[in-house]
Protein backbone atom coordinates (compact mmCIF):
# COMPACT_ATOMS: atom_id res chain seq x y z
CA MET A 1 -62.11 27.35 -18.12
CA ALA A 2 -62.76 26.98 -14.46
CA PRO A 3 -60.08 27.01 -11.89
CA GLY A 4 -58.82 23.51 -11.12
CA TYR A 5 -59.94 22.02 -14.61
CA ASP A 6 -58.12 21.64 -17.75
CA ILE A 7 -59.32 22.57 -21.30
CA GLY A 8 -61.42 19.39 -21.61
CA GLY A 9 -63.08 19.97 -18.53
CA ARG A 10 -61.41 17.26 -16.63
CA GLU A 11 -60.46 18.05 -12.89
CA ILE A 12 -56.75 18.69 -12.37
CA PRO A 13 -55.55 16.34 -9.71
CA ARG A 14 -54.04 18.36 -6.58
CA GLN A 15 -50.43 17.95 -6.01
CA ARG A 16 -49.84 16.51 -2.57
CA HIS A 17 -46.65 17.93 -0.81
CA ALA A 18 -44.53 15.49 0.92
CA PRO A 19 -44.11 15.99 4.66
CA ALA A 20 -41.13 17.94 5.69
CA GLY A 21 -38.16 15.78 6.06
CA PRO A 22 -34.96 16.20 8.11
CA ALA A 23 -32.96 19.37 7.84
CA SER A 24 -30.54 19.48 4.82
CA LEU A 25 -27.06 19.10 5.26
CA GLY A 26 -26.36 22.70 4.42
CA SER A 27 -28.99 24.19 6.92
CA PRO A 28 -27.93 26.18 9.92
CA VAL A 29 -29.07 23.31 12.29
CA MET A 30 -26.97 20.81 10.74
CA ARG A 31 -24.09 23.26 10.44
CA THR A 32 -24.34 23.92 14.07
CA GLY A 33 -24.71 20.24 14.95
CA ARG A 34 -21.29 19.50 13.07
CA ILE A 35 -19.55 22.42 14.93
CA ILE A 36 -20.62 20.88 18.01
CA GLU A 37 -19.61 17.48 17.14
CA HIS A 38 -16.12 18.62 16.14
CA GLY A 39 -15.84 20.71 19.07
CA TRP A 40 -16.74 17.84 21.43
CA ARG A 41 -14.39 15.69 19.45
CA GLY A 42 -11.54 17.96 19.75
CA LEU A 43 -12.03 18.68 23.33
CA ARG A 44 -12.03 14.88 24.36
CA THR A 45 -9.02 14.44 22.05
CA VAL A 46 -7.15 17.25 23.73
CA VAL A 47 -8.08 16.31 27.33
CA THR A 48 -8.30 12.38 27.35
CA ALA A 49 -6.52 11.09 24.13
CA THR A 50 -3.12 9.36 24.36
CA ASP A 51 -0.38 9.62 21.69
CA PRO A 52 -0.39 6.47 19.67
CA ALA A 53 2.80 4.73 18.49
CA PRO A 54 4.60 5.22 16.31
CA SER A 55 5.89 8.71 16.78
CA TRP A 56 5.37 11.66 14.26
CA LEU A 57 8.88 11.07 12.99
CA ALA A 58 8.23 7.58 11.87
CA GLY A 59 8.70 7.11 8.08
CA ARG A 60 11.20 9.93 7.77
CA PRO A 61 14.82 9.30 6.96
CA ALA A 62 17.03 8.05 9.74
CA ALA A 63 19.48 11.17 9.58
CA VAL A 64 16.38 13.41 10.03
CA ARG A 65 15.10 11.49 13.01
CA ARG A 66 18.70 11.68 14.73
CA ALA A 67 18.90 15.22 14.22
CA VAL A 68 15.53 16.16 15.56
CA VAL A 69 16.20 14.01 18.73
CA VAL A 70 19.68 15.31 19.18
CA LEU A 71 18.45 19.00 18.67
CA LEU A 72 15.56 18.44 21.34
CA ALA A 73 17.65 16.71 23.72
CA THR A 74 20.28 19.52 23.62
CA ALA A 75 17.61 22.32 23.86
CA THR A 76 16.31 20.41 26.88
CA VAL A 77 19.69 20.26 28.59
CA VAL A 78 20.51 23.83 27.77
CA GLY A 79 17.14 25.21 28.39
CA PHE A 80 16.58 23.84 31.85
CA PRO A 81 19.20 25.97 33.51
CA LEU A 82 18.39 28.99 31.63
CA CYS A 83 14.64 28.83 32.40
CA ALA A 84 15.51 28.25 36.10
CA ALA A 85 17.92 31.26 35.89
CA LEU A 86 15.21 33.32 34.27
CA ALA A 87 12.51 32.06 36.81
CA ALA A 88 14.77 33.02 39.72
CA ARG A 89 15.18 36.46 38.28
CA ALA A 90 11.31 36.82 37.65
CA HIS A 91 10.24 35.44 40.92
CA PRO A 92 13.01 36.46 43.59
CA GLY A 93 12.57 34.93 46.91
CA ALA A 94 10.58 32.01 45.49
CA ASP A 95 13.36 29.44 45.98
CA GLY A 96 10.95 26.53 45.94
CA TRP A 97 9.33 27.47 42.63
CA VAL A 98 12.46 28.08 40.63
CA THR A 99 13.36 24.41 39.75
CA LEU A 100 9.63 23.53 39.45
CA VAL A 101 9.00 26.48 36.99
CA GLY A 102 12.14 25.78 35.21
CA LEU A 103 11.33 22.25 34.68
CA ALA A 104 7.73 22.86 33.61
CA GLU A 105 8.89 25.43 30.96
CA VAL A 106 11.36 23.04 29.27
CA ALA A 107 9.58 19.59 29.68
CA PRO A 108 7.60 19.87 26.60
CA LEU A 109 10.79 19.59 24.59
CA ALA A 110 11.66 16.27 26.11
CA LEU A 111 8.11 14.80 25.23
CA LEU A 112 7.68 16.28 21.85
CA VAL A 113 9.12 13.53 19.87
CA ARG A 114 6.93 10.63 21.14
CA HIS A 115 4.35 12.38 23.15
CA PRO A 116 3.32 15.78 21.26
CA LEU A 117 -0.06 16.01 22.93
CA LEU A 118 1.06 15.44 26.50
CA ALA A 119 3.90 17.89 25.69
CA TRP A 120 1.15 20.58 24.83
CA ARG A 121 -0.72 19.52 28.04
CA VAL A 122 2.41 20.05 30.15
CA GLY A 123 2.96 23.52 28.48
CA TRP A 124 -0.66 24.70 28.92
CA LEU A 125 -0.53 23.78 32.49
CA ALA A 126 2.72 25.64 33.04
CA ALA A 127 1.12 28.67 31.15
CA LEU A 128 -1.89 28.44 33.39
CA LEU A 129 -0.02 28.08 36.58
CA THR A 130 3.45 29.83 36.24
CA PRO A 131 1.90 33.25 36.81
CA LEU A 132 0.94 32.08 40.21
CA ALA A 133 4.58 31.91 41.48
CA PRO A 134 5.26 34.84 43.73
CA GLY A 135 7.36 37.88 42.51
CA ASP A 136 7.25 40.35 39.67
CA PRO A 137 6.67 39.02 36.16
CA TRP A 138 8.38 40.39 32.99
CA GLY A 139 6.70 43.78 32.92
CA SER A 140 2.98 43.30 31.67
CA TRP A 141 3.89 39.75 30.32
CA ALA A 142 3.04 36.80 32.69
CA TRP A 143 5.38 34.40 31.42
CA ASP A 144 9.28 33.79 31.04
CA PRO A 145 10.50 34.58 27.44
CA PRO A 146 11.66 30.71 26.75
CA GLN A 147 8.14 29.60 27.80
CA ILE A 148 6.31 30.88 24.84
CA PRO A 149 8.19 29.47 21.74
CA VAL A 150 8.37 26.02 23.65
CA PHE A 151 4.65 26.13 23.98
CA VAL A 152 3.92 27.29 20.44
CA LEU A 153 6.19 24.33 19.11
CA ALA A 154 4.33 21.82 21.02
CA PHE A 155 1.20 23.31 19.69
CA THR A 156 2.38 23.20 16.05
CA VAL A 157 3.29 19.56 16.28
CA ALA A 158 0.09 18.44 18.17
CA ALA A 159 -2.02 20.36 15.78
CA LEU A 160 -0.40 18.97 12.63
CA ARG A 161 -0.63 15.36 13.99
CA TYR A 162 -4.25 15.48 15.29
CA GLY A 163 -5.98 17.57 12.88
CA ARG A 164 -8.71 20.29 12.84
CA PRO A 165 -10.82 19.62 15.86
CA ALA A 166 -7.80 19.28 18.17
CA LEU A 167 -6.07 22.29 16.73
CA TRP A 168 -9.03 24.70 17.14
CA THR A 169 -9.60 23.21 20.79
CA MET A 170 -6.15 23.89 21.64
CA TYR A 171 -6.37 27.43 20.21
CA ALA A 172 -9.39 28.13 22.16
CA LEU A 173 -7.76 26.87 25.56
CA MET A 174 -4.61 28.87 24.92
CA VAL A 175 -6.74 32.05 24.03
CA ALA A 176 -8.48 31.38 27.45
CA VAL A 177 -5.25 31.41 29.36
CA LEU A 178 -4.20 34.54 27.58
CA TRP A 179 -7.24 36.52 28.65
CA VAL A 180 -7.06 35.14 32.16
CA TRP A 181 -3.53 36.55 32.87
CA ILE A 182 -3.38 39.49 30.23
CA PRO A 183 -6.73 41.11 30.04
CA GLY A 184 -7.14 44.28 28.01
CA PRO A 185 -5.70 45.44 24.63
CA ASP A 186 -2.59 43.12 24.84
CA SER A 187 -4.70 40.06 24.80
CA VAL A 188 -6.28 41.18 21.45
CA GLY A 189 -3.21 41.19 19.44
CA GLY A 190 -2.07 37.78 20.92
CA THR A 191 -5.44 36.43 20.08
CA LEU A 192 -5.24 37.77 16.41
CA ALA A 193 -1.66 36.67 16.04
CA LEU A 194 -2.29 33.09 17.48
CA GLY A 195 -5.51 32.83 15.29
CA ALA A 196 -3.61 33.66 12.12
CA TYR A 197 -0.94 31.07 13.02
CA ALA A 198 -3.76 28.55 13.71
CA VAL A 199 -5.35 29.08 10.23
CA LEU A 200 -1.92 28.49 8.65
CA LEU A 201 -1.52 25.22 10.66
CA ASP A 202 -5.06 24.21 9.77
CA ALA A 203 -4.19 24.74 5.92
CA LEU A 204 -0.95 22.70 6.32
CA ALA A 205 -2.61 19.89 8.35
CA GLY A 206 -5.46 19.72 5.71
CA ARG A 207 -2.84 19.47 2.97
CA ALA A 208 -0.95 16.76 4.90
CA GLY A 209 -4.33 14.81 5.65
CA ALA A 210 -5.18 15.03 1.90
CA ARG A 211 -1.69 13.69 1.06
CA ARG A 212 -1.89 10.87 3.32
CA ALA A 213 -5.43 9.85 2.11
CA LEU A 214 -4.10 9.95 -1.48
CA HIS A 215 -1.09 7.72 -0.53
CA GLU A 216 -3.36 5.23 1.23
CA GLN A 217 -5.61 5.25 -1.87
CA ALA A 218 -2.78 4.66 -4.01
CA GLU A 219 -1.47 1.77 -1.83
CA LEU A 220 -5.20 0.19 -2.03
CA THR A 221 -5.11 0.67 -5.89
CA ARG A 222 -1.49 -0.96 -6.27
CA ALA A 223 -2.85 -3.99 -3.96
CA GLU A 224 -5.97 -4.24 -6.20
CA TYR A 225 -4.00 -4.09 -9.34
CA ALA A 226 -1.63 -6.91 -8.13
CA ARG A 227 -4.63 -9.12 -6.91
CA ARG A 228 -6.44 -8.78 -10.53
CA ALA A 229 -3.06 -9.37 -12.13
CA ALA A 230 -2.50 -12.50 -10.18
CA LEU A 231 -6.18 -13.60 -10.73
CA GLU A 232 -5.67 -12.92 -14.64
CA GLU A 233 -2.43 -14.91 -14.57
CA ARG A 234 -4.12 -17.80 -12.93
CA ALA A 235 -6.87 -17.78 -15.56
CA ARG A 236 -4.40 -17.62 -18.51
CA ILE A 237 -2.37 -20.53 -16.95
CA ALA A 238 -5.42 -22.56 -16.58
CA ARG A 239 -6.43 -21.95 -20.14
CA GLU A 240 -2.92 -22.99 -21.39
CA LEU A 241 -2.76 -26.11 -18.86
CA HIS A 242 -6.19 -27.08 -20.22
CA ASP A 243 -4.79 -27.80 -23.70
CA VAL A 244 -1.77 -29.69 -22.27
CA VAL A 245 -3.97 -31.95 -19.96
CA ALA A 246 -6.66 -32.31 -22.49
CA HIS A 247 -4.20 -33.80 -24.98
CA HIS A 248 -3.24 -36.52 -22.35
CA MET A 249 -6.95 -37.32 -21.44
CA SER A 250 -7.87 -37.67 -25.03
CA LEU A 251 -4.95 -40.07 -25.51
CA ILE A 252 -6.23 -42.10 -22.36
CA ALA A 253 -9.85 -42.15 -23.66
CA VAL A 254 -8.92 -43.22 -27.14
CA GLN A 255 -6.28 -45.92 -25.89
CA ALA A 256 -9.15 -47.22 -23.62
CA GLU A 257 -11.74 -47.37 -26.32
CA THR A 258 -9.50 -48.98 -28.95
CA ALA A 259 -7.59 -51.54 -26.58
CA PRO A 260 -10.17 -54.35 -27.05
CA TYR A 261 -9.93 -54.08 -30.70
CA ARG A 262 -6.09 -53.86 -30.92
CA HIS A 263 -5.70 -57.00 -28.65
CA ASP A 264 -7.22 -60.45 -29.38
CA ALA A 265 -9.41 -62.31 -26.90
CA VAL A 266 -9.92 -59.57 -24.44
CA PRO A 267 -12.10 -61.04 -21.73
CA GLU A 268 -15.44 -59.29 -21.02
CA PRO A 269 -14.52 -57.90 -17.61
CA VAL A 270 -11.38 -56.26 -19.09
CA ARG A 271 -13.61 -54.64 -21.84
CA ALA A 272 -15.84 -53.20 -19.27
CA GLU A 273 -12.87 -51.79 -17.39
CA PHE A 274 -11.50 -50.21 -20.49
CA ALA A 275 -15.07 -48.80 -21.15
CA SER A 276 -15.14 -47.26 -17.59
CA ILE A 277 -11.73 -45.80 -18.17
CA SER A 278 -12.80 -44.16 -21.41
CA ALA A 279 -16.07 -42.84 -19.81
CA GLY A 280 -14.21 -41.45 -17.02
CA ALA A 281 -11.78 -39.78 -19.33
CA ARG A 282 -14.23 -38.20 -21.47
CA GLU A 283 -16.40 -36.94 -18.33
CA ALA A 284 -13.07 -35.35 -17.08
CA LEU A 285 -12.60 -33.78 -20.69
CA ALA A 286 -16.19 -32.39 -20.44
CA ASP A 287 -15.69 -30.79 -16.98
CA MET A 288 -12.48 -29.25 -18.03
CA ARG A 289 -14.18 -27.54 -21.19
CA ARG A 290 -17.02 -26.15 -19.06
CA LEU A 291 -14.33 -24.90 -16.46
CA LEU A 292 -12.39 -23.44 -19.21
CA GLY A 293 -15.61 -21.73 -20.60
CA THR A 294 -16.16 -19.99 -17.33
CA LEU A 295 -12.54 -18.83 -17.13
CA ARG A 296 -12.15 -17.72 -20.71
CA GLY A 297 -15.35 -15.43 -20.27
CA ALA A 298 -15.44 -12.98 -23.49
CA ASP A 299 -12.11 -13.93 -24.65
CA PRO A 300 -11.88 -15.71 -27.99
CA PRO A 301 -10.84 -19.36 -27.90
CA GLU A 302 -7.13 -20.20 -28.52
CA ARG A 303 -6.66 -22.43 -31.50
CA ALA A 304 -2.95 -22.59 -31.70
CA PRO A 305 -1.18 -25.44 -29.70
CA GLN A 306 0.58 -24.50 -26.53
CA PRO A 307 4.41 -24.34 -26.75
CA GLY A 308 7.01 -26.40 -24.90
CA LEU A 309 10.59 -26.58 -24.60
CA ASP A 310 10.99 -27.94 -28.26
CA ASP A 311 9.92 -24.33 -29.37
CA LEU A 312 12.69 -22.71 -27.55
CA PRO A 313 14.98 -22.50 -30.70
CA ALA A 314 12.18 -20.81 -32.59
CA LEU A 315 11.54 -18.26 -29.74
CA VAL A 316 15.32 -17.49 -29.62
CA GLU A 317 15.58 -17.07 -33.25
CA GLY A 318 12.64 -14.48 -33.40
CA ALA A 319 14.45 -12.42 -30.52
CA ARG A 320 17.64 -12.35 -32.74
CA ARG A 321 15.67 -11.10 -35.71
CA ALA A 322 14.34 -8.32 -33.42
CA GLY A 323 18.07 -7.37 -32.88
CA VAL A 324 18.74 -8.96 -29.39
CA PRO A 325 21.87 -11.14 -29.44
CA VAL A 326 20.73 -14.29 -27.63
CA THR A 327 22.60 -17.57 -26.97
CA LEU A 328 20.72 -20.76 -25.90
CA ASP A 329 22.07 -23.69 -24.23
CA THR A 330 19.97 -26.72 -23.40
CA ALA A 331 20.74 -30.07 -22.09
CA GLY A 332 18.73 -33.22 -20.94
CA ILE A 333 15.33 -31.54 -21.59
CA ALA A 334 13.94 -34.62 -23.11
CA GLY A 335 10.93 -36.23 -21.25
CA VAL A 336 10.25 -33.05 -19.37
CA PRO A 337 6.43 -32.92 -18.42
CA ALA A 338 4.36 -30.79 -20.81
CA THR A 339 3.08 -28.63 -18.05
CA VAL A 340 6.71 -27.84 -16.73
CA GLY A 341 7.93 -27.30 -20.26
CA LEU A 342 5.03 -24.75 -20.99
CA CYS A 343 5.80 -23.07 -17.99
CA ALA A 344 9.48 -22.77 -18.68
CA TYR A 345 8.78 -21.50 -22.09
CA ARG A 346 6.74 -18.79 -20.62
CA VAL A 347 9.37 -17.85 -18.42
CA VAL A 348 12.14 -17.48 -21.04
CA GLN A 349 9.44 -15.76 -23.40
CA GLU A 350 8.73 -13.02 -20.63
CA SER A 351 12.51 -12.67 -19.66
CA LEU A 352 13.53 -12.13 -23.37
CA SER A 353 10.66 -9.57 -23.82
CA ASN A 354 12.04 -7.66 -20.65
CA ALA A 355 15.49 -7.84 -21.97
CA ALA A 356 14.55 -6.39 -25.14
CA ARG A 357 12.71 -3.53 -23.58
CA HIS A 358 14.93 -2.59 -20.75
CA ALA A 359 18.53 -3.89 -21.75
CA GLY A 360 18.49 -2.94 -25.53
CA GLN A 361 21.32 -4.70 -27.57
CA ALA A 362 22.86 -6.26 -24.33
CA PRO A 363 23.69 -9.97 -24.93
CA VAL A 364 21.40 -12.44 -23.36
CA ALA A 365 22.19 -15.88 -22.23
CA VAL A 366 19.50 -18.51 -21.98
CA THR A 367 20.21 -21.83 -20.17
CA VAL A 368 17.80 -24.65 -19.70
CA ARG A 369 19.22 -27.75 -18.02
CA ARG A 370 17.57 -30.75 -16.46
CA ASP A 371 19.51 -31.63 -13.27
CA GLY A 372 18.00 -34.93 -11.96
CA ASP A 373 14.32 -34.35 -10.90
CA LEU A 374 14.86 -30.41 -11.28
CA LEU A 375 14.54 -28.43 -14.23
CA ARG A 376 16.75 -25.14 -14.24
CA VAL A 377 16.17 -22.16 -16.25
CA SER A 378 18.39 -19.04 -16.34
CA VAL A 379 18.02 -15.93 -18.51
CA VAL A 380 20.73 -13.44 -17.83
CA ASN A 381 21.25 -10.16 -19.90
CA ALA A 382 24.41 -8.21 -19.47
CA ALA A 383 24.48 -4.50 -18.39
CA PRO A 384 23.13 -2.24 -21.09
CA ASP A 385 25.35 0.29 -22.72
CA VAL A 386 22.84 3.11 -22.04
CA PRO A 387 20.58 3.34 -18.97
CA PRO A 388 17.33 1.67 -19.57
CA PRO A 389 14.09 3.77 -19.90
CA PRO A 390 11.92 3.95 -16.49
CA ARG A 391 9.79 0.88 -15.77
CA THR A 392 6.16 1.33 -16.25
CA GLY A 393 3.36 -0.61 -14.86
CA GLY A 394 2.98 -4.36 -15.62
CA HIS A 395 3.05 -7.61 -13.99
CA GLY A 396 5.45 -9.73 -16.06
CA LEU A 397 7.52 -10.61 -12.98
CA ALA A 398 4.55 -11.39 -11.09
CA GLY A 399 3.05 -13.68 -13.64
CA MET A 400 6.26 -15.72 -13.91
CA ARG A 401 6.32 -16.03 -10.34
CA GLU A 402 2.83 -17.06 -10.16
CA ARG A 403 3.23 -19.76 -12.72
CA VAL A 404 6.23 -21.18 -11.24
CA THR A 405 4.82 -21.36 -7.94
CA LEU A 406 1.71 -23.02 -9.12
CA LEU A 407 3.98 -25.91 -10.25
CA GLY A 408 5.87 -26.04 -6.95
CA GLY A 409 9.07 -24.25 -8.24
CA THR A 410 10.93 -21.26 -7.19
CA LEU A 411 11.88 -18.15 -9.05
CA SER A 412 14.36 -15.21 -8.42
CA ALA A 413 14.87 -12.08 -10.42
CA GLY A 414 17.13 -9.17 -9.89
CA LEU A 415 20.28 -7.39 -10.67
CA ASP A 416 23.38 -9.33 -10.76
CA GLY A 417 26.80 -8.25 -9.74
CA ALA A 418 27.92 -7.22 -13.20
CA GLY A 419 25.16 -4.69 -13.52
CA GLY A 420 22.81 -7.08 -15.61
CA PHE A 421 19.67 -8.55 -14.76
CA ALA A 422 19.09 -12.34 -14.07
CA VAL A 423 15.95 -14.36 -13.94
CA GLU A 424 16.27 -18.03 -12.40
CA ALA A 425 13.59 -20.57 -12.13
CA THR A 426 13.66 -24.07 -10.75
CA PHE A 427 10.97 -26.78 -11.54
CA PRO A 428 10.29 -30.21 -10.05
CA CYS A 429 10.00 -32.55 -12.85
CA ALA A 430 10.05 -35.96 -11.60
CA ASP A 431 8.57 -38.61 -13.70
CA ASP A 432 6.43 -40.08 -10.75
CA PRO A 433 3.65 -37.38 -10.14
CA GLU A 434 3.87 -38.42 -6.43
CA ASP A 435 7.47 -37.04 -6.27
CA VAL A 436 6.53 -33.63 -7.43
CA SER A 437 5.33 -32.08 -4.11
């Protein structure tokens, strides 16, 4: 077999190599580019960025915020005369420098709560310029003793807030100042100690950033879950209301069609009017069925009739058989529109389910009364004998509120003064549709 040919003597096509593409993400070129990009971003942040609102204490308990502010204010007030006295000792004869040096050394404490990056800048300038003051420093050390912990504290807060690029840029600038004023073996130990501390801060900042990202993702997930729950509830409401409205539309169509036969000597124009009404009703029914098919999707069609206020006694009796002591009080509910009755029934049904899950054997009082053009529904359970189990995910209350709002009503749900739970809904149920708005 000749090279380049297969067993049958056919030429093997030569493989064409694709032209070399851009460097992979793990290549040295890309890694170097990312390091340069992060370094430039960190330098820009450290030099030109402003501290955004709110402060890094936002979201923490009020007692913690007050304690931190009081502690830093006290340290600033007490530290200024101390730093000024130590500056006077380290730089005798430099009277004009004493106040300025003491103020520069303690100023980061006053700026730390709201402006940690500015506090670090002030501390860095103080570390760079303080050794220029005339006089003898503290032995081989170029700075006053209180200046170092204040500077490191500002570095800590700024690094934790602004992340890795800013952290390592600040570290490099601090090491540069260290080598400017303390060249030799002493600067090696300071560089290593500061590097170890920067690694620790980097790990803490990364953990805090991951925690923030997880919290933000959880918030987005909860918002998406609530949005989907609302959409599902609206689709379910539309499917239920279809049955109620379709019943009335069917009655209209049947009455319009049979009216000429139920009445003698109906004029031809009136017959045409009845025929037009019947055709419009049937067209509306067809449109509703098409819309219902879109909303239902893959769900099987519901064949049971939709419940109303007349079905409340059976609902309450079922809750009693499940072991929940329920009392039912209804008054003036005759003539309530079917859509309002369906929604009120669903509110009572969901409230009884919640009471059974969270209140155990606590008594439940259900009240449904019509007050003029308003229907008032109240479901109140007493305080349970044992603490209820923790609530899990669900959208029962959100679904009830969605239903009531779509009918122009209001709903409130929460703990009452006696330790129980109360759900109260109000629906407009005027006989004239124009009044329900």
